[in-house]
């Protein structure tokens, strides 16, 4: 038996409706393809949850609801200083491109919102 430790996990959420429809990208590109092309380079692959995740959040006086797609990558602790900022920058640019206020991101034990 062989086991390889992949390190920590980074997880981020993108509204499902925007993942597979290029009309939500200002660049008119498939958001799924943009994410795929990015994650395959520094992270050598990723996992995308097959089902939707349902989320609620409060914005001013209203509760908002969204259906989200989850993406996961792994990074080793010694890669954190290089890969996490690279992922944050990518998500900030993606957030701006698809017109989101922010993107939810978990990196290891840290949880954050990434704004453009």
PDB file of N, CA and C in Angstrom:
ATOM      1  N   UNK A   1       0.846  -1.180   0.000  1.00  0.00           N
ATOM      2  CA  UNK A   1       0.000   0.000   0.000  1.00  0.00           C
ATOM      3  C   UNK A   1       0.889   1.239   0.000  1.00  0.00           C
ATOM      4  N   UNK A   2       0.424   2.274  -0.704  1.00  0.00           N
ATOM      5  CA  UNK A   2       1.147   3.542  -0.781  1.00  0.00           C
ATOM      6  C   UNK A   2       0.160   4.666  -0.518  1.00  0.00           C
ATOM      7  N   UNK A   3       0.545   5.617   0.341  1.00  0.00           N
ATOM      8  CA  UNK A   3      -0.291   6.773   0.636  1.00  0.00           C
ATOM      9  C   UNK A   3       0.557   8.021   0.436  1.00  0.00           C
ATOM     10  N   UNK A   4       0.002   8.988  -0.269  1.00  0.00           N
ATOM     11  CA  UNK A   4       0.699  10.255  -0.508  1.00  0.00           C
ATOM     12  C   UNK A   4      -0.090  11.372   0.157  1.00  0.00           C
ATOM     13  N   UNK A   5       0.563  12.110   1.033  1.00  0.00           N
ATOM     14  CA  UNK A   5      -0.061  13.237   1.718  1.00  0.00           C
ATOM     15  C   UNK A   5      -0.087  14.434   0.775  1.00  0.00           C
ATOM     16  N   UNK A   6      -1.279  14.945   0.510  1.00  0.00           N
ATOM     17  CA  UNK A   6      -1.419  16.097  -0.380  1.00  0.00           C
ATOM     18  C   UNK A   6      -1.419  17.425   0.367  1.00  0.00           C
ATOM     19  N   UNK A   7      -1.420  17.380   1.694  1.00  0.00           N
ATOM     20  CA  UNK A   7      -1.334  18.607   2.476  1.00  0.00           C
ATOM     21  C   UNK A   7      -2.687  19.155   2.882  1.00  0.00           C
ATOM     22  N   UNK A   8      -2.829  20.451   2.760  1.00  0.00           N
ATOM     23  CA  UNK A   8      -4.057  21.157   3.150  1.00  0.00           C
ATOM     24  C   UNK A   8      -4.998  21.309   1.966  1.00  0.00           C
ATOM     25  N   UNK A   9      -6.250  21.612   2.286  1.00  0.00           N
ATOM     26  CA  UNK A   9      -7.258  21.784   1.246  1.00  0.00           C
ATOM     27  C   UNK A   9      -7.662  23.249   1.152  1.00  0.00           C
ATOM     28  N   UNK A  10      -7.841  23.703  -0.068  1.00  0.00           N
ATOM     29  CA  UNK A  10      -8.466  24.999  -0.326  1.00  0.00           C
ATOM     30  C   UNK A  10      -9.766  24.720  -1.058  1.00  0.00           C
ATOM     31  N   UNK A  11     -10.839  25.340  -0.610  1.00  0.00           N
ATOM     32  CA  UNK A  11     -12.168  25.154  -1.181  1.00  0.00           C
ATOM     33  C   UNK A  11     -12.766  26.521  -1.468  1.00  0.00           C
ATOM     34  N   UNK A  12     -13.365  26.655  -2.641  1.00  0.00           N
ATOM     35  CA  UNK A  12     -14.077  27.899  -2.925  1.00  0.00           C
ATOM     36  C   UNK A  12     -15.399  27.592  -3.604  1.00  0.00           C
ATOM     37  N   UNK A  13     -16.315  28.547  -3.509  1.00  0.00           N
ATOM     38  CA  UNK A  13     -17.672  28.373  -4.009  1.00  0.00           C
ATOM     39  C   UNK A  13     -17.986  29.415  -5.078  1.00  0.00           C
ATOM     40  N   UNK A  14     -18.593  28.961  -6.166  1.00  0.00           N
ATOM     41  CA  UNK A  14     -19.003  29.828  -7.272  1.00  0.00           C
ATOM     42  C   UNK A  14     -20.489  29.575  -7.525  1.00  0.00           C
ATOM     43  N   UNK A  15     -21.293  30.618  -7.738  1.00  0.00           N
ATOM     44  CA  UNK A  15     -22.700  30.381  -8.053  1.00  0.00           C
ATOM     45  C   UNK A  15     -22.847  29.423  -9.240  1.00  0.00           C
ATOM     46  N   UNK A  16     -23.624  28.377  -9.054  1.00  0.00           N
ATOM     47  CA  UNK A  16     -23.769  27.330 -10.072  1.00  0.00           C
ATOM     48  C   UNK A  16     -24.207  27.872 -11.420  1.00  0.00           C
ATOM     49  N   UNK A  17     -25.110  28.816 -11.406  1.00  0.00           N
ATOM     50  CA  UNK A  17     -25.643  29.343 -12.660  1.00  0.00           C
ATOM     51  C   UNK A  17     -24.556  30.001 -13.504  1.00  0.00           C
ATOM     52  N   UNK A  18     -23.500  30.484 -12.847  1.00  0.00           N
ATOM     53  CA  UNK A  18     -22.436  31.183 -13.567  1.00  0.00           C
ATOM     54  C   UNK A  18     -21.320  30.256 -14.035  1.00  0.00           C
ATOM     55  N   UNK A  19     -21.264  29.042 -13.499  1.00  0.00           N
ATOM     56  CA  UNK A  19     -20.158  28.142 -13.813  1.00  0.00           C
ATOM     57  C   UNK A  19     -20.182  27.675 -15.269  1.00  0.00           C
ATOM     58  N   UNK A  20     -21.329  27.309 -15.771  1.00  0.00           N
ATOM     59  CA  UNK A  20     -21.388  26.700 -17.106  1.00  0.00           C
ATOM     60  C   UNK A  20     -22.045  27.570 -18.163  1.00  0.00           C
ATOM     61  N   UNK A  21     -22.184  28.853 -17.889  1.00  0.00           N
ATOM     62  CA  UNK A  21     -22.815  29.740 -18.857  1.00  0.00           C
ATOM     63  C   UNK A  21     -21.898  30.934 -19.109  1.00  0.00           C
ATOM     64  N   UNK A  22     -21.376  31.043 -20.309  1.00  0.00           N
ATOM     65  CA  UNK A  22     -20.406  32.089 -20.636  1.00  0.00           C
ATOM     66  C   UNK A  22     -21.017  33.483 -20.637  1.00  0.00           C
ATOM     67  N   UNK A  23     -22.341  33.609 -20.627  1.00  0.00           N
ATOM     68  CA  UNK A  23     -22.945  34.937 -20.641  1.00  0.00           C
ATOM     69  C   UNK A  23     -22.672  35.704 -19.350  1.00  0.00           C
ATOM     70  N   UNK A  24     -22.248  35.021 -18.290  1.00  0.00           N
ATOM     71  CA  UNK A  24     -21.957  35.690 -17.024  1.00  0.00           C
ATOM     72  C   UNK A  24     -20.525  36.221 -16.958  1.00  0.00           C
ATOM     73  N   UNK A  25     -19.698  35.852 -17.907  1.00  0.00           N
ATOM     74  CA  UNK A  25     -18.319  36.333 -17.953  1.00  0.00           C
ATOM     75  C   UNK A  25     -18.229  37.541 -18.867  1.00  0.00           C
ATOM     76  N   UNK A  26     -17.625  38.617 -18.390  1.00  0.00           N
ATOM     77  CA  UNK A  26     -17.422  39.800 -19.221  1.00  0.00           C
ATOM     78  C   UNK A  26     -16.535  39.469 -20.413  1.00  0.00           C
ATOM     79  N   UNK A  27     -15.697  38.451 -20.246  1.00  0.00           N
ATOM     80  CA  UNK A  27     -14.814  38.000 -21.337  1.00  0.00           C
ATOM     81  C   UNK A  27     -15.541  37.055 -22.290  1.00  0.00           C
ATOM     82  N   UNK A  28     -16.784  36.702 -21.942  1.00  0.00           N
ATOM     83  CA  UNK A  28     -17.602  35.774 -22.730  1.00  0.00           C
ATOM     84  C   UNK A  28     -16.927  34.410 -22.882  1.00  0.00           C
ATOM     85  N   UNK A  29     -16.297  33.972 -21.800  1.00  0.00           N
ATOM     86  CA  UNK A  29     -15.672  32.652 -21.765  1.00  0.00           C
ATOM     87  C   UNK A  29     -16.425  31.791 -20.763  1.00  0.00           C
ATOM     88  N   UNK A  30     -16.355  30.498 -20.949  1.00  0.00           N
ATOM     89  CA  UNK A  30     -16.939  29.574 -19.983  1.00  0.00           C
ATOM     90  C   UNK A  30     -16.182  29.698 -18.662  1.00  0.00           C
ATOM     91  N   UNK A  31     -16.915  30.007 -17.589  1.00  0.00           N
ATOM     92  CA  UNK A  31     -16.296  30.134 -16.276  1.00  0.00           C
ATOM     93  C   UNK A  31     -15.683  28.804 -15.853  1.00  0.00           C
ATOM     94  N   UNK A  32     -16.346  27.694 -16.183  1.00  0.00           N
ATOM     95  CA  UNK A  32     -15.796  26.370 -15.874  1.00  0.00           C
ATOM     96  C   UNK A  32     -14.439  26.186 -16.545  1.00  0.00           C
ATOM     97  N   UNK A  33     -14.313  26.634 -17.781  1.00  0.00           N
ATOM     98  CA  UNK A  33     -13.054  26.507 -18.527  1.00  0.00           C
ATOM     99  C   UNK A  33     -11.973  27.408 -17.937  1.00  0.00           C
ATOM    100  N   UNK A  34     -12.352  28.624 -17.530  1.00  0.00           N
ATOM    101  CA  UNK A  34     -11.401  29.546 -16.896  1.00  0.00           C
ATOM    102  C   UNK A  34     -10.850  28.920 -15.615  1.00  0.00           C
ATOM    103  N   UNK A  35     -11.747  28.371 -14.792  1.00  0.00           N
ATOM    104  CA  UNK A  35     -11.338  27.733 -13.536  1.00  0.00           C
ATOM    105  C   UNK A  35     -10.471  26.513 -13.829  1.00  0.00           C
ATOM    106  N   UNK A  36     -10.898  25.689 -14.765  1.00  0.00           N
ATOM    107  CA  UNK A  36     -10.142  24.490 -15.139  1.00  0.00           C
ATOM    108  C   UNK A  36      -8.723  24.846 -15.579  1.00  0.00           C
ATOM    109  N   UNK A  37      -8.605  25.810 -16.475  1.00  0.00           N
ATOM    110  CA  UNK A  37      -7.284  26.197 -16.979  1.00  0.00           C
ATOM    111  C   UNK A  37      -6.381  26.724 -15.877  1.00  0.00           C
ATOM    112  N   UNK A  38      -6.939  27.470 -14.935  1.00  0.00           N
ATOM    113  CA  UNK A  38      -6.113  27.986 -13.848  1.00  0.00           C
ATOM    114  C   UNK A  38      -5.705  26.888 -12.869  1.00  0.00           C
ATOM    115  N   UNK A  39      -6.658  26.120 -12.374  1.00  0.00           N
ATOM    116  CA  UNK A  39      -6.361  25.147 -11.315  1.00  0.00           C
ATOM    117  C   UNK A  39      -5.433  24.034 -11.773  1.00  0.00           C
ATOM    118  N   UNK A  40      -5.440  23.695 -13.031  1.00  0.00           N
ATOM    119  CA  UNK A  40      -4.551  22.637 -13.515  1.00  0.00           C
ATOM    120  C   UNK A  40      -3.093  23.048 -13.539  1.00  0.00           C
ATOM    121  N   UNK A  41      -2.816  24.349 -13.546  1.00  0.00           N
ATOM    122  CA  UNK A  41      -1.417  24.788 -13.604  1.00  0.00           C
ATOM    123  C   UNK A  41      -0.738  24.726 -12.240  1.00  0.00           C
ATOM    124  N   UNK A  42      -1.056  25.623 -11.297  1.00  0.00           N
ATOM    125  CA  UNK A  42      -0.306  25.584 -10.038  1.00  0.00           C
ATOM    126  C   UNK A  42      -0.676  24.440  -9.108  1.00  0.00           C
ATOM    127  N   UNK A  43      -1.884  23.899  -9.240  1.00  0.00           N
ATOM    128  CA  UNK A  43      -2.337  22.871  -8.305  1.00  0.00           C
ATOM    129  C   UNK A  43      -2.333  21.471  -8.902  1.00  0.00           C
ATOM    130  N   UNK A  44      -2.024  21.345 -10.181  1.00  0.00           N
ATOM    131  CA  UNK A  44      -1.957  20.048 -10.856  1.00  0.00           C
ATOM    132  C   UNK A  44      -3.266  19.263 -10.762  1.00  0.00           C
ATOM    133  N   UNK A  45      -4.383  19.966 -10.747  1.00  0.00           N
ATOM    134  CA  UNK A  45      -5.680  19.308 -10.729  1.00  0.00           C
ATOM    135  C   UNK A  45      -6.584  19.866  -9.653  1.00  0.00           C
ATOM    136  N   UNK A  46      -7.824  19.412  -9.662  1.00  0.00           N
ATOM    137  CA  UNK A  46      -8.819  19.896  -8.715  1.00  0.00           C
ATOM    138  C   UNK A  46      -9.979  18.910  -8.673  1.00  0.00           C
ATOM    139  N   UNK A  47     -10.868  19.130  -7.733  1.00  0.00           N
ATOM    140  CA  UNK A  47     -12.101  18.362  -7.631  1.00  0.00           C
ATOM    141  C   UNK A  47     -13.259  19.349  -7.631  1.00  0.00           C
ATOM    142  N   UNK A  48     -14.317  18.995  -8.321  1.00  0.00           N
ATOM    143  CA  UNK A  48     -15.523  19.818  -8.345  1.00  0.00           C
ATOM    144  C   UNK A  48     -16.661  18.955  -7.833  1.00  0.00           C
ATOM    145  N   UNK A  49     -17.371  19.443  -6.821  1.00  0.00           N
ATOM    146  CA  UNK A  49     -18.494  18.686  -6.270  1.00  0.00           C
ATOM    147  C   UNK A  49     -19.553  18.488  -7.340  1.00  0.00           C
ATOM    148  N   UNK A  50     -20.087  17.291  -7.429  1.00  0.00           N
ATOM    149  CA  UNK A  50     -21.050  16.982  -8.476  1.00  0.00           C
ATOM    150  C   UNK A  50     -22.433  17.561  -8.204  1.00  0.00           C
ATOM    151  N   UNK A  51     -22.766  17.786  -6.959  1.00  0.00           N
ATOM    152  CA  UNK A  51     -24.069  18.354  -6.622  1.00  0.00           C
ATOM    153  C   UNK A  51     -23.924  19.797  -6.173  1.00  0.00           C
ATOM    154  N   UNK A  52     -25.019  20.491  -6.143  1.00  0.00           N
ATOM    155  CA  UNK A  52     -24.985  21.874  -5.708  1.00  0.00           C
ATOM    156  C   UNK A  52     -24.963  21.983  -4.195  1.00  0.00           C
ATOM    157  N   UNK A  53     -24.425  23.069  -3.738  1.00  0.00           N
ATOM    158  CA  UNK A  53     -24.424  23.426  -2.329  1.00  0.00           C
ATOM    159  C   UNK A  53     -25.359  24.615  -2.207  1.00  0.00           C
ATOM    160  N   UNK A  54     -26.202  24.595  -1.227  1.00  0.00           N
ATOM    161  CA  UNK A  54     -27.163  25.672  -1.045  1.00  0.00           C
ATOM    162  C   UNK A  54     -26.687  26.542   0.097  1.00  0.00           C
ATOM    163  N   UNK A  55     -26.697  27.850  -0.112  1.00  0.00           N
ATOM    164  CA  UNK A  55     -26.204  28.751   0.910  1.00  0.00           C
ATOM    165  C   UNK A  55     -27.125  29.926   1.143  1.00  0.00           C
ATOM    166  N   UNK A  56     -27.102  30.402   2.362  1.00  0.00           N
ATOM    167  CA  UNK A  56     -27.858  31.574   2.760  1.00  0.00           C
ATOM    168  C   UNK A  56     -26.892  32.549   3.409  1.00  0.00           C
ATOM    169  N   UNK A  57     -27.088  33.825   3.143  1.00  0.00           N
ATOM    170  CA  UNK A  57     -26.289  34.828   3.801  1.00  0.00           C
ATOM    171  C   UNK A  57     -27.124  36.090   3.957  1.00  0.00           C
ATOM    172  N   UNK A  58     -26.766  36.882   4.952  1.00  0.00           N
ATOM    173  CA  UNK A  58     -27.507  38.114   5.206  1.00  0.00           C
ATOM    174  C   UNK A  58     -26.818  39.278   4.527  1.00  0.00           C
ATOM    175  N   UNK A  59     -27.618  40.075   3.847  1.00  0.00           N
ATOM    176  CA  UNK A  59     -27.106  41.272   3.203  1.00  0.00           C
ATOM    177  C   UNK A  59     -28.064  42.399   3.549  1.00  0.00           C
ATOM    178  N   UNK A  60     -27.586  43.324   4.360  1.00  0.00           N
ATOM    179  CA  UNK A  60     -28.405  44.414   4.882  1.00  0.00           C
ATOM    180  C   UNK A  60     -29.602  43.820   5.609  1.00  0.00           C
ATOM    181  N   UNK A  61     -30.810  44.139   5.213  1.00  0.00           N
ATOM    182  CA  UNK A  61     -31.992  43.647   5.934  1.00  0.00           C
ATOM    183  C   UNK A  61     -32.549  42.364   5.326  1.00  0.00           C
ATOM    184  N   UNK A  62     -31.934  41.871   4.259  1.00  0.00           N
ATOM    185  CA  UNK A  62     -32.472  40.712   3.547  1.00  0.00           C
ATOM    186  C   UNK A  62     -31.587  39.486   3.703  1.00  0.00           C
ATOM    187  N   UNK A  63     -32.229  38.318   3.695  1.00  0.00           N
ATOM    188  CA  UNK A  63     -31.490  37.067   3.605  1.00  0.00           C
ATOM    189  C   UNK A  63     -31.416  36.692   2.133  1.00  0.00           C
ATOM    190  N   UNK A  64     -30.228  36.379   1.658  1.00  0.00           N
ATOM    191  CA  UNK A  64     -30.009  35.996   0.263  1.00  0.00           C
ATOM    192  C   UNK A  64     -29.794  34.484   0.202  1.00  0.00           C
ATOM    193  N   UNK A  65     -30.189  33.889  -0.915  1.00  0.00           N
ATOM    194  CA  UNK A  65     -30.055  32.452  -1.133  1.00  0.00           C
ATOM    195  C   UNK A  65     -29.291  32.246  -2.435  1.00  0.00           C
ATOM    196  N   UNK A  66     -28.428  31.236  -2.463  1.00  0.00           N
ATOM    197  CA  UNK A  66     -27.714  30.934  -3.697  1.00  0.00           C
ATOM    198  C   UNK A  66     -27.432  29.438  -3.766  1.00  0.00           C
ATOM    199  N   UNK A  67     -27.345  28.932  -4.989  1.00  0.00           N
ATOM    200  CA  UNK A  67     -26.908  27.561  -5.233  1.00  0.00           C
ATOM    201  C   UNK A  67     -25.497  27.657  -5.770  1.00  0.00           C
ATOM    202  N   UNK A  68     -24.608  26.888  -5.176  1.00  0.00           N
ATOM    203  CA  UNK A  68     -23.177  27.055  -5.436  1.00  0.00           C
ATOM    204  C   UNK A  68     -22.527  25.760  -5.881  1.00  0.00           C
ATOM    205  N   UNK A  69     -21.451  25.889  -6.614  1.00  0.00           N
ATOM    206  CA  UNK A  69     -20.618  24.758  -7.010  1.00  0.00           C
ATOM    207  C   UNK A  69     -19.323  24.869  -6.211  1.00  0.00           C
ATOM    208  N   UNK A  70     -18.876  23.749  -5.662  1.00  0.00           N
ATOM    209  CA  UNK A  70     -17.676  23.723  -4.830  1.00  0.00           C
ATOM    210  C   UNK A  70     -16.491  23.202  -5.631  1.00  0.00           C
ATOM    211  N   UNK A  71     -15.379  23.900  -5.536  1.00  0.00           N
ATOM    212  CA  UNK A  71     -14.125  23.477  -6.146  1.00  0.00           C
ATOM    213  C   UNK A  71     -13.096  23.283  -5.035  1.00  0.00           C
ATOM    214  N   UNK A  72     -12.284  22.208  -5.159  1.00  0.00           N
ATOM    215  CA  UNK A  72     -11.264  21.898  -4.139  1.00  0.00           C
ATOM    216  C   UNK A  72      -9.914  21.657  -4.787  1.00  0.00           C
ATOM    217  N   UNK A  73      -8.887  22.160  -4.129  1.00  0.00           N
ATOM    218  CA  UNK A  73      -7.506  21.876  -4.525  1.00  0.00           C
ATOM    219  C   UNK A  73      -6.713  21.568  -3.259  1.00  0.00           C
ATOM    220  N   UNK A  74      -5.528  21.021  -3.440  1.00  0.00           N
ATOM    221  CA  UNK A  74      -4.660  20.712  -2.302  1.00  0.00           C
ATOM    222  C   UNK A  74      -3.339  21.443  -2.467  1.00  0.00           C
ATOM    223  N   UNK A  75      -2.742  21.773  -1.322  1.00  0.00           N
ATOM    224  CA  UNK A  75      -1.420  22.394  -1.332  1.00  0.00           C
ATOM    225  C   UNK A  75      -0.665  21.955  -0.086  1.00  0.00           C
ATOM    226  N   UNK A  76       0.621  21.803  -0.228  1.00  0.00           N
ATOM    227  CA  UNK A  76       1.466  21.429   0.904  1.00  0.00           C
ATOM    228  C   UNK A  76       1.783  22.675   1.717  1.00  0.00           C
ATOM    229  N   UNK A  77       2.048  22.482   2.994  1.00  0.00           N
ATOM    230  CA  UNK A  77       2.303  23.609   3.890  1.00  0.00           C
ATOM    231  C   UNK A  77       3.433  24.503   3.377  1.00  0.00           C
ATOM    232  N   UNK A  78       4.482  23.905   2.818  1.00  0.00           N
ATOM    233  CA  UNK A  78       5.595  24.719   2.321  1.00  0.00           C
ATOM    234  C   UNK A  78       5.263  25.447   1.009  1.00  0.00           C
ATOM    235  N   UNK A  79       4.128  25.118   0.386  1.00  0.00           N
ATOM    236  CA  UNK A  79       3.686  25.791  -0.839  1.00  0.00           C
ATOM    237  C   UNK A  79       2.671  26.902  -0.549  1.00  0.00           C
ATOM    238  N   UNK A  80       2.240  26.989   0.709  1.00  0.00           N
ATOM    239  CA  UNK A  80       1.159  27.907   1.076  1.00  0.00           C
ATOM    240  C   UNK A  80       1.476  29.349   0.703  1.00  0.00           C
ATOM    241  N   UNK A  81       2.674  29.803   0.960  1.00  0.00           N
ATOM    242  CA  UNK A  81       3.034  31.200   0.695  1.00  0.00           C
ATOM    243  C   UNK A  81       2.974  31.553  -0.783  1.00  0.00           C
ATOM    244  N   UNK A  82       3.155  30.580  -1.649  1.00  0.00           N
ATOM    245  CA  UNK A  82       3.109  30.842  -3.088  1.00  0.00           C
ATOM    246  C   UNK A  82       1.727  30.582  -3.669  1.00  0.00           C
ATOM    247  N   UNK A  83       1.137  29.469  -3.312  1.00  0.00           N
ATOM    248  CA  UNK A  83      -0.103  29.046  -3.973  1.00  0.00           C
ATOM    249  C   UNK A  83      -1.358  29.752  -3.466  1.00  0.00           C
ATOM    250  N   UNK A  84      -1.459  29.995  -2.175  1.00  0.00           N
ATOM    251  CA  UNK A  84      -2.669  30.623  -1.651  1.00  0.00           C
ATOM    252  C   UNK A  84      -2.836  32.052  -2.182  1.00  0.00           C
ATOM    253  N   UNK A  85      -1.811  32.904  -2.160  1.00  0.00           N
ATOM    254  CA  UNK A  85      -1.979  34.238  -2.749  1.00  0.00           C
ATOM    255  C   UNK A  85      -2.294  34.187  -4.250  1.00  0.00           C
ATOM    256  N   UNK A  86      -1.746  33.221  -4.932  1.00  0.00           N
ATOM    257  CA  UNK A  86      -2.026  33.050  -6.356  1.00  0.00           C
ATOM    258  C   UNK A  86      -3.504  32.692  -6.558  1.00  0.00           C
ATOM    259  N   UNK A  87      -4.028  31.811  -5.715  1.00  0.00           N
ATOM    260  CA  UNK A  87      -5.439  31.442  -5.778  1.00  0.00           C
ATOM    261  C   UNK A  87      -6.320  32.640  -5.415  1.00  0.00           C
ATOM    262  N   UNK A  88      -5.951  33.388  -4.395  1.00  0.00           N
ATOM    263  CA  UNK A  88      -6.720  34.567  -4.000  1.00  0.00           C
ATOM    264  C   UNK A  88      -6.771  35.592  -5.128  1.00  0.00           C
ATOM    265  N   UNK A  89      -5.655  35.833  -5.777  1.00  0.00           N
ATOM    266  CA  UNK A  89      -5.613  36.784  -6.891  1.00  0.00           C
ATOM    267  C   UNK A  89      -6.487  36.304  -8.048  1.00  0.00           C
ATOM    268  N   UNK A  90      -6.410  35.020  -8.361  1.00  0.00           N
ATOM    269  CA  UNK A  90      -7.252  34.451  -9.410  1.00  0.00           C
ATOM    270  C   UNK A  90      -8.731  34.644  -9.078  1.00  0.00           C
ATOM    271  N   UNK A  91      -9.115  34.339  -7.826  1.00  0.00           N
ATOM    272  CA  UNK A  91     -10.510  34.463  -7.431  1.00  0.00           C
ATOM    273  C   UNK A  91     -10.974  35.917  -7.439  1.00  0.00           C
ATOM    274  N   UNK A  92     -10.100  36.844  -7.074  1.00  0.00           N
ATOM    275  CA  UNK A  92     -10.452  38.269  -7.127  1.00  0.00           C
ATOM    276  C   UNK A  92     -10.738  38.695  -8.562  1.00  0.00           C
ATOM    277  N   UNK A  93      -9.915  38.244  -9.499  1.00  0.00           N
ATOM    278  CA  UNK A  93     -10.132  38.565 -10.913  1.00  0.00           C
ATOM    279  C   UNK A  93     -11.395  37.889 -11.443  1.00  0.00           C
ATOM    280  N   UNK A  94     -11.607  36.640 -11.061  1.00  0.00           N
ATOM    281  CA  UNK A  94     -12.805  35.915 -11.477  1.00  0.00           C
ATOM    282  C   UNK A  94     -14.054  36.594 -10.914  1.00  0.00           C
ATOM    283  N   UNK A  95     -13.989  37.003  -9.669  1.00  0.00           N
ATOM    284  CA  UNK A  95     -15.094  37.683  -9.000  1.00  0.00           C
ATOM    285  C   UNK A  95     -15.499  38.931  -9.799  1.00  0.00           C
ATOM    286  N   UNK A  96     -14.527  39.698 -10.200  1.00  0.00           N
ATOM    287  CA  UNK A  96     -14.789  40.899 -10.996  1.00  0.00           C
ATOM    288  C   UNK A  96     -15.374  40.528 -12.357  1.00  0.00           C
ATOM    289  N   UNK A  97     -14.817  39.504 -12.985  1.00  0.00           N
ATOM    290  CA  UNK A  97     -15.257  39.092 -14.317  1.00  0.00           C
ATOM    291  C   UNK A  97     -16.713  38.642 -14.333  1.00  0.00           C
ATOM    292  N   UNK A  98     -17.138  37.903 -13.307  1.00  0.00           N
ATOM    293  CA  UNK A  98     -18.501  37.358 -13.314  1.00  0.00           C
ATOM    294  C   UNK A  98     -19.489  38.218 -12.524  1.00  0.00           C
ATOM    295  N   UNK A  99     -19.032  39.357 -12.027  1.00  0.00           N
ATOM    296  CA  UNK A  99     -19.933  40.291 -11.366  1.00  0.00           C
ATOM    297  C   UNK A  99     -20.390  39.881  -9.983  1.00  0.00           C
ATOM    298  N   UNK A 100     -19.539  39.163  -9.262  1.00  0.00           N
ATOM    299  CA  UNK A 100     -19.856  38.786  -7.884  1.00  0.00           C
ATOM    300  C   UNK A 100     -19.264  39.812  -6.927  1.00  0.00           C
ATOM    301  N   UNK A 101     -19.927  40.027  -5.804  1.00  0.00           N
ATOM    302  CA  UNK A 101     -19.406  40.942  -4.798  1.00  0.00           C
ATOM    303  C   UNK A 101     -18.151  40.351  -4.151  1.00  0.00           C
ATOM    304  N   UNK A 102     -18.194  39.045  -3.875  1.00  0.00           N
ATOM    305  CA  UNK A 102     -17.053  38.365  -3.277  1.00  0.00           C
ATOM    306  C   UNK A 102     -17.195  36.865  -3.506  1.00  0.00           C
ATOM    307  N   UNK A 103     -16.116  36.124  -3.231  1.00  0.00           N
ATOM    308  CA  UNK A 103     -16.097  34.669  -3.352  1.00  0.00           C
ATOM    309  C   UNK A 103     -15.622  34.084  -2.024  1.00  0.00           C
ATOM    310  N   UNK A 104     -16.354  33.088  -1.536  1.00  0.00           N
ATOM    311  CA  UNK A 104     -16.030  32.392  -0.287  1.00  0.00           C
ATOM    312  C   UNK A 104     -14.869  31.444  -0.535  1.00  0.00           C
ATOM    313  N   UNK A 105     -13.858  31.491   0.352  1.00  0.00           N
ATOM    314  CA  UNK A 105     -12.666  30.660   0.219  1.00  0.00           C
ATOM    315  C   UNK A 105     -12.240  30.123   1.577  1.00  0.00           C
ATOM    316  N   UNK A 106     -11.961  28.834   1.624  1.00  0.00           N
ATOM    317  CA  UNK A 106     -11.359  28.198   2.800  1.00  0.00           C
ATOM    318  C   UNK A 106      -9.979  27.699   2.404  1.00  0.00           C
ATOM    319  N   UNK A 107      -8.990  28.011   3.218  1.00  0.00           N
ATOM    320  CA  UNK A 107      -7.618  27.512   2.998  1.00  0.00           C
ATOM    321  C   UNK A 107      -7.134  26.900   4.294  1.00  0.00           C
ATOM    322  N   UNK A 108      -7.087  25.580   4.341  1.00  0.00           N
ATOM    323  CA  UNK A 108      -6.740  24.907   5.588  1.00  0.00           C
ATOM    324  C   UNK A 108      -7.771  25.263   6.643  1.00  0.00           C
ATOM    325  N   UNK A 109      -7.336  25.878   7.727  1.00  0.00           N
ATOM    326  CA  UNK A 109      -8.236  26.288   8.806  1.00  0.00           C
ATOM    327  C   UNK A 109      -8.744  27.717   8.624  1.00  0.00           C
ATOM    328  N   UNK A 110      -8.221  28.447   7.652  1.00  0.00           N
ATOM    329  CA  UNK A 110      -8.601  29.842   7.440  1.00  0.00           C
ATOM    330  C   UNK A 110      -9.802  29.942   6.506  1.00  0.00           C
ATOM    331  N   UNK A 111     -10.735  30.816   6.854  1.00  0.00           N
ATOM    332  CA  UNK A 111     -11.931  31.050   6.040  1.00  0.00           C
ATOM    333  C   UNK A 111     -11.977  32.541   5.738  1.00  0.00           C
ATOM    334  N   UNK A 112     -12.253  32.885   4.460  1.00  0.00           N
ATOM    335  CA  UNK A 112     -12.221  34.292   4.079  1.00  0.00           C
ATOM    336  C   UNK A 112     -13.172  34.570   2.929  1.00  0.00           C
ATOM    337  N   UNK A 113     -13.437  35.838   2.690  1.00  0.00           N
ATOM    338  CA  UNK A 113     -14.154  36.305   1.519  1.00  0.00           C
ATOM    339  C   UNK A 113     -13.139  37.051   0.663  1.00  0.00           C
ATOM    340  N   UNK A 114     -13.099  36.732  -0.626  1.00  0.00           N
ATOM    341  CA  UNK A 114     -12.171  37.377  -1.553  1.00  0.00           C
ATOM    342  C   UNK A 114     -12.978  38.362  -2.391  1.00  0.00           C
ATOM    343  N   UNK A 115     -12.590  39.634  -2.334  1.00  0.00           N
ATOM    344  CA  UNK A 115     -13.242  40.692  -3.100  1.00  0.00           C
ATOM    345  C   UNK A 115     -12.374  41.073  -4.288  1.00  0.00           C
ATOM    346  N   UNK A 116     -13.004  41.650  -5.334  1.00  0.00           N
ATOM    347  CA  UNK A 116     -12.178  42.073  -6.491  1.00  0.00           C
ATOM    348  C   UNK A 116     -11.230  43.211  -6.126  1.00  0.00           C
TER     349      UNK A 116
END
